């Protein structure tokens, strides 16, 4: 549960359809930068395009959220 953007333990964990987990704030910043530079949003970890909709980890995977907590 380490965010690859900030390299810290995830804070307000959100998961992408490719199953990678990020801090909500880091993911939002990544999407803004990606939109400005390339116009396409991709996963910061695996570069899957498009990334789709991020979900809070607690909604997407209850067990993983409990382990993280």
N, C-alpha and C. Protein backbone atom coordinates (compact mmCIF):
# COMPACT_ATOMS: atom_id res chain seq x y z
N UNK A 1 0.82 -1.19 0.00
CA UNK A 1 0.00 0.00 0.00
C UNK A 1 0.86 1.26 0.00
N UNK A 2 1.85 1.27 -0.87
CA UNK A 2 2.71 2.44 -1.03
C UNK A 2 2.33 3.13 -2.34
N UNK A 3 2.08 4.41 -2.26
CA UNK A 3 1.73 5.21 -3.44
C UNK A 3 2.99 5.40 -4.28
N UNK A 4 2.94 5.05 -5.57
CA UNK A 4 4.13 5.21 -6.41
C UNK A 4 4.38 6.66 -6.79
N UNK A 5 3.42 7.52 -6.56
CA UNK A 5 3.60 8.93 -6.88
C UNK A 5 4.40 9.62 -5.77
N UNK A 6 3.95 9.50 -4.52
CA UNK A 6 4.64 10.17 -3.41
C UNK A 6 5.59 9.23 -2.65
N UNK A 7 5.50 7.93 -2.94
CA UNK A 7 6.34 6.91 -2.31
C UNK A 7 6.18 6.85 -0.79
N UNK A 8 4.96 7.04 -0.34
CA UNK A 8 4.63 6.99 1.07
C UNK A 8 3.43 6.06 1.24
N UNK A 9 3.10 5.73 2.46
CA UNK A 9 1.91 4.93 2.73
C UNK A 9 0.69 5.69 2.22
N UNK A 10 -0.21 5.01 1.51
CA UNK A 10 -1.34 5.70 0.90
C UNK A 10 -2.20 6.40 1.94
N UNK A 11 -2.67 7.58 1.57
CA UNK A 11 -3.56 8.38 2.40
C UNK A 11 -4.84 8.58 1.60
N UNK A 12 -5.98 8.24 2.17
CA UNK A 12 -7.26 8.27 1.47
C UNK A 12 -7.14 7.42 0.19
N UNK A 13 -6.86 6.15 0.39
CA UNK A 13 -6.55 5.22 -0.69
C UNK A 13 -7.67 5.11 -1.72
N UNK A 14 -7.26 5.20 -3.00
CA UNK A 14 -8.16 4.99 -4.12
C UNK A 14 -7.53 3.97 -5.05
N UNK A 15 -8.37 3.15 -5.66
CA UNK A 15 -7.89 2.07 -6.52
C UNK A 15 -8.41 2.29 -7.95
N UNK A 16 -7.56 1.99 -8.91
CA UNK A 16 -7.93 2.09 -10.32
C UNK A 16 -8.41 0.73 -10.83
N UNK A 17 -9.06 0.67 -11.98
CA UNK A 17 -9.50 -0.61 -12.53
C UNK A 17 -8.36 -1.62 -12.74
N UNK A 18 -7.13 -1.14 -12.90
CA UNK A 18 -5.98 -2.04 -13.06
C UNK A 18 -5.49 -2.57 -11.72
N UNK A 19 -6.17 -2.22 -10.63
CA UNK A 19 -5.91 -2.67 -9.25
C UNK A 19 -4.75 -1.98 -8.55
N UNK A 20 -4.19 -0.93 -9.11
CA UNK A 20 -3.14 -0.18 -8.43
C UNK A 20 -3.78 0.84 -7.49
N UNK A 21 -3.14 1.03 -6.33
CA UNK A 21 -3.69 1.88 -5.27
C UNK A 21 -2.81 3.11 -5.10
N UNK A 22 -3.47 4.27 -4.95
CA UNK A 22 -2.78 5.55 -4.82
C UNK A 22 -3.48 6.41 -3.78
N UNK A 23 -2.77 7.44 -3.32
CA UNK A 23 -3.41 8.48 -2.51
C UNK A 23 -4.38 9.23 -3.41
N UNK A 24 -5.51 9.62 -2.87
CA UNK A 24 -6.48 10.37 -3.67
C UNK A 24 -5.86 11.65 -4.21
N UNK A 25 -5.18 12.38 -3.35
CA UNK A 25 -4.57 13.65 -3.74
C UNK A 25 -3.50 13.45 -4.82
N UNK A 26 -2.66 12.46 -4.66
CA UNK A 26 -1.61 12.19 -5.65
C UNK A 26 -2.21 11.82 -7.00
N UNK A 27 -3.25 11.01 -6.98
CA UNK A 27 -3.89 10.60 -8.22
C UNK A 27 -4.53 11.80 -8.92
N UNK A 28 -5.16 12.68 -8.16
CA UNK A 28 -5.76 13.88 -8.75
C UNK A 28 -4.69 14.76 -9.39
N UNK A 29 -3.58 14.94 -8.69
CA UNK A 29 -2.48 15.74 -9.26
C UNK A 29 -1.93 15.10 -10.52
N UNK A 30 -1.80 13.79 -10.52
CA UNK A 30 -1.29 13.06 -11.68
C UNK A 30 -2.21 13.27 -12.89
N UNK A 31 -3.51 13.19 -12.65
CA UNK A 31 -4.47 13.35 -13.74
C UNK A 31 -4.43 14.77 -14.31
N UNK A 32 -4.28 15.76 -13.46
CA UNK A 32 -4.19 17.15 -13.93
C UNK A 32 -2.94 17.33 -14.79
N UNK A 33 -1.81 16.82 -14.32
CA UNK A 33 -0.56 16.93 -15.10
C UNK A 33 -0.67 16.18 -16.42
N UNK A 34 -1.27 14.99 -16.40
CA UNK A 34 -1.41 14.20 -17.63
C UNK A 34 -2.31 14.91 -18.63
N UNK A 35 -3.37 15.52 -18.15
CA UNK A 35 -4.29 16.24 -19.03
C UNK A 35 -3.60 17.43 -19.70
N UNK A 36 -2.72 18.10 -18.95
CA UNK A 36 -2.02 19.26 -19.50
C UNK A 36 -0.96 18.86 -20.52
N UNK A 37 -0.26 17.75 -20.28
CA UNK A 37 0.86 17.37 -21.14
C UNK A 37 0.45 16.54 -22.34
N UNK A 38 -0.32 15.48 -22.13
CA UNK A 38 -0.62 14.58 -23.24
C UNK A 38 -2.11 14.52 -23.59
N UNK A 39 -2.94 15.01 -22.70
CA UNK A 39 -4.38 14.95 -22.95
C UNK A 39 -5.00 13.61 -22.62
N UNK A 40 -4.19 12.63 -22.25
CA UNK A 40 -4.68 11.30 -21.90
C UNK A 40 -4.28 10.96 -20.48
N UNK A 41 -5.18 10.35 -19.76
CA UNK A 41 -4.90 9.91 -18.40
C UNK A 41 -4.53 8.44 -18.41
N UNK A 42 -3.45 8.10 -17.75
CA UNK A 42 -3.04 6.71 -17.65
C UNK A 42 -2.60 6.41 -16.22
N UNK A 43 -2.51 5.13 -15.90
CA UNK A 43 -2.11 4.72 -14.57
C UNK A 43 -0.65 5.11 -14.33
N UNK A 44 -0.35 5.77 -13.22
CA UNK A 44 1.03 6.14 -12.94
C UNK A 44 1.96 4.94 -12.76
N UNK A 45 1.40 3.76 -12.50
CA UNK A 45 2.23 2.59 -12.25
C UNK A 45 2.45 1.75 -13.51
N UNK A 46 1.36 1.36 -14.17
CA UNK A 46 1.49 0.44 -15.31
C UNK A 46 1.23 1.10 -16.66
N UNK A 47 0.85 2.36 -16.65
CA UNK A 47 0.59 3.16 -17.85
C UNK A 47 -0.59 2.66 -18.67
N UNK A 48 -1.50 1.89 -18.06
CA UNK A 48 -2.71 1.43 -18.73
C UNK A 48 -3.54 2.65 -19.13
N UNK A 49 -4.01 2.64 -20.38
CA UNK A 49 -4.82 3.76 -20.85
C UNK A 49 -6.16 3.27 -21.31
N UNK A 50 -7.24 3.98 -21.14
CA UNK A 50 -7.38 5.03 -20.15
C UNK A 50 -7.57 4.42 -18.77
N UNK A 51 -7.36 5.18 -17.76
CA UNK A 51 -7.40 4.62 -16.42
C UNK A 51 -8.79 4.35 -15.91
N UNK A 52 -9.79 4.99 -16.48
CA UNK A 52 -11.16 4.76 -16.02
C UNK A 52 -11.43 5.51 -14.74
N UNK A 53 -12.31 4.99 -13.96
CA UNK A 53 -12.78 5.69 -12.76
C UNK A 53 -12.12 5.10 -11.51
N UNK A 54 -11.50 5.95 -10.72
CA UNK A 54 -10.91 5.51 -9.45
C UNK A 54 -12.01 5.40 -8.40
N UNK A 55 -11.90 4.39 -7.55
CA UNK A 55 -12.85 4.19 -6.47
C UNK A 55 -12.12 4.21 -5.14
N UNK A 56 -12.79 4.67 -4.09
CA UNK A 56 -12.19 4.55 -2.76
C UNK A 56 -11.92 3.07 -2.46
N UNK A 57 -10.78 2.79 -1.89
CA UNK A 57 -10.41 1.40 -1.60
C UNK A 57 -11.45 0.72 -0.72
N UNK A 58 -12.03 1.45 0.23
CA UNK A 58 -13.02 0.87 1.13
C UNK A 58 -14.26 0.38 0.39
N UNK A 59 -14.60 1.02 -0.73
CA UNK A 59 -15.74 0.58 -1.52
C UNK A 59 -15.38 -0.54 -2.48
N UNK A 60 -14.19 -0.47 -3.04
CA UNK A 60 -13.76 -1.42 -4.07
C UNK A 60 -13.31 -2.76 -3.47
N UNK A 61 -12.65 -2.71 -2.32
CA UNK A 61 -12.10 -3.94 -1.73
C UNK A 61 -12.09 -3.78 -0.21
N UNK A 62 -13.14 -4.27 0.41
CA UNK A 62 -13.31 -4.12 1.87
C UNK A 62 -12.16 -4.76 2.64
N UNK A 63 -11.72 -5.93 2.21
CA UNK A 63 -10.65 -6.63 2.92
C UNK A 63 -9.34 -5.84 2.85
N UNK A 64 -8.99 -5.37 1.68
CA UNK A 64 -7.76 -4.59 1.54
C UNK A 64 -7.82 -3.32 2.39
N UNK A 65 -8.96 -2.69 2.44
CA UNK A 65 -9.13 -1.48 3.26
C UNK A 65 -8.95 -1.81 4.74
N UNK A 66 -9.46 -2.95 5.16
CA UNK A 66 -9.30 -3.35 6.58
C UNK A 66 -7.84 -3.66 6.89
N UNK A 67 -7.14 -4.30 5.97
CA UNK A 67 -5.72 -4.61 6.17
C UNK A 67 -4.93 -3.31 6.26
N UNK A 68 -5.23 -2.36 5.38
CA UNK A 68 -4.53 -1.08 5.39
C UNK A 68 -4.78 -0.32 6.68
N UNK A 69 -6.04 -0.42 7.19
CA UNK A 69 -6.40 0.30 8.40
C UNK A 69 -5.70 -0.27 9.60
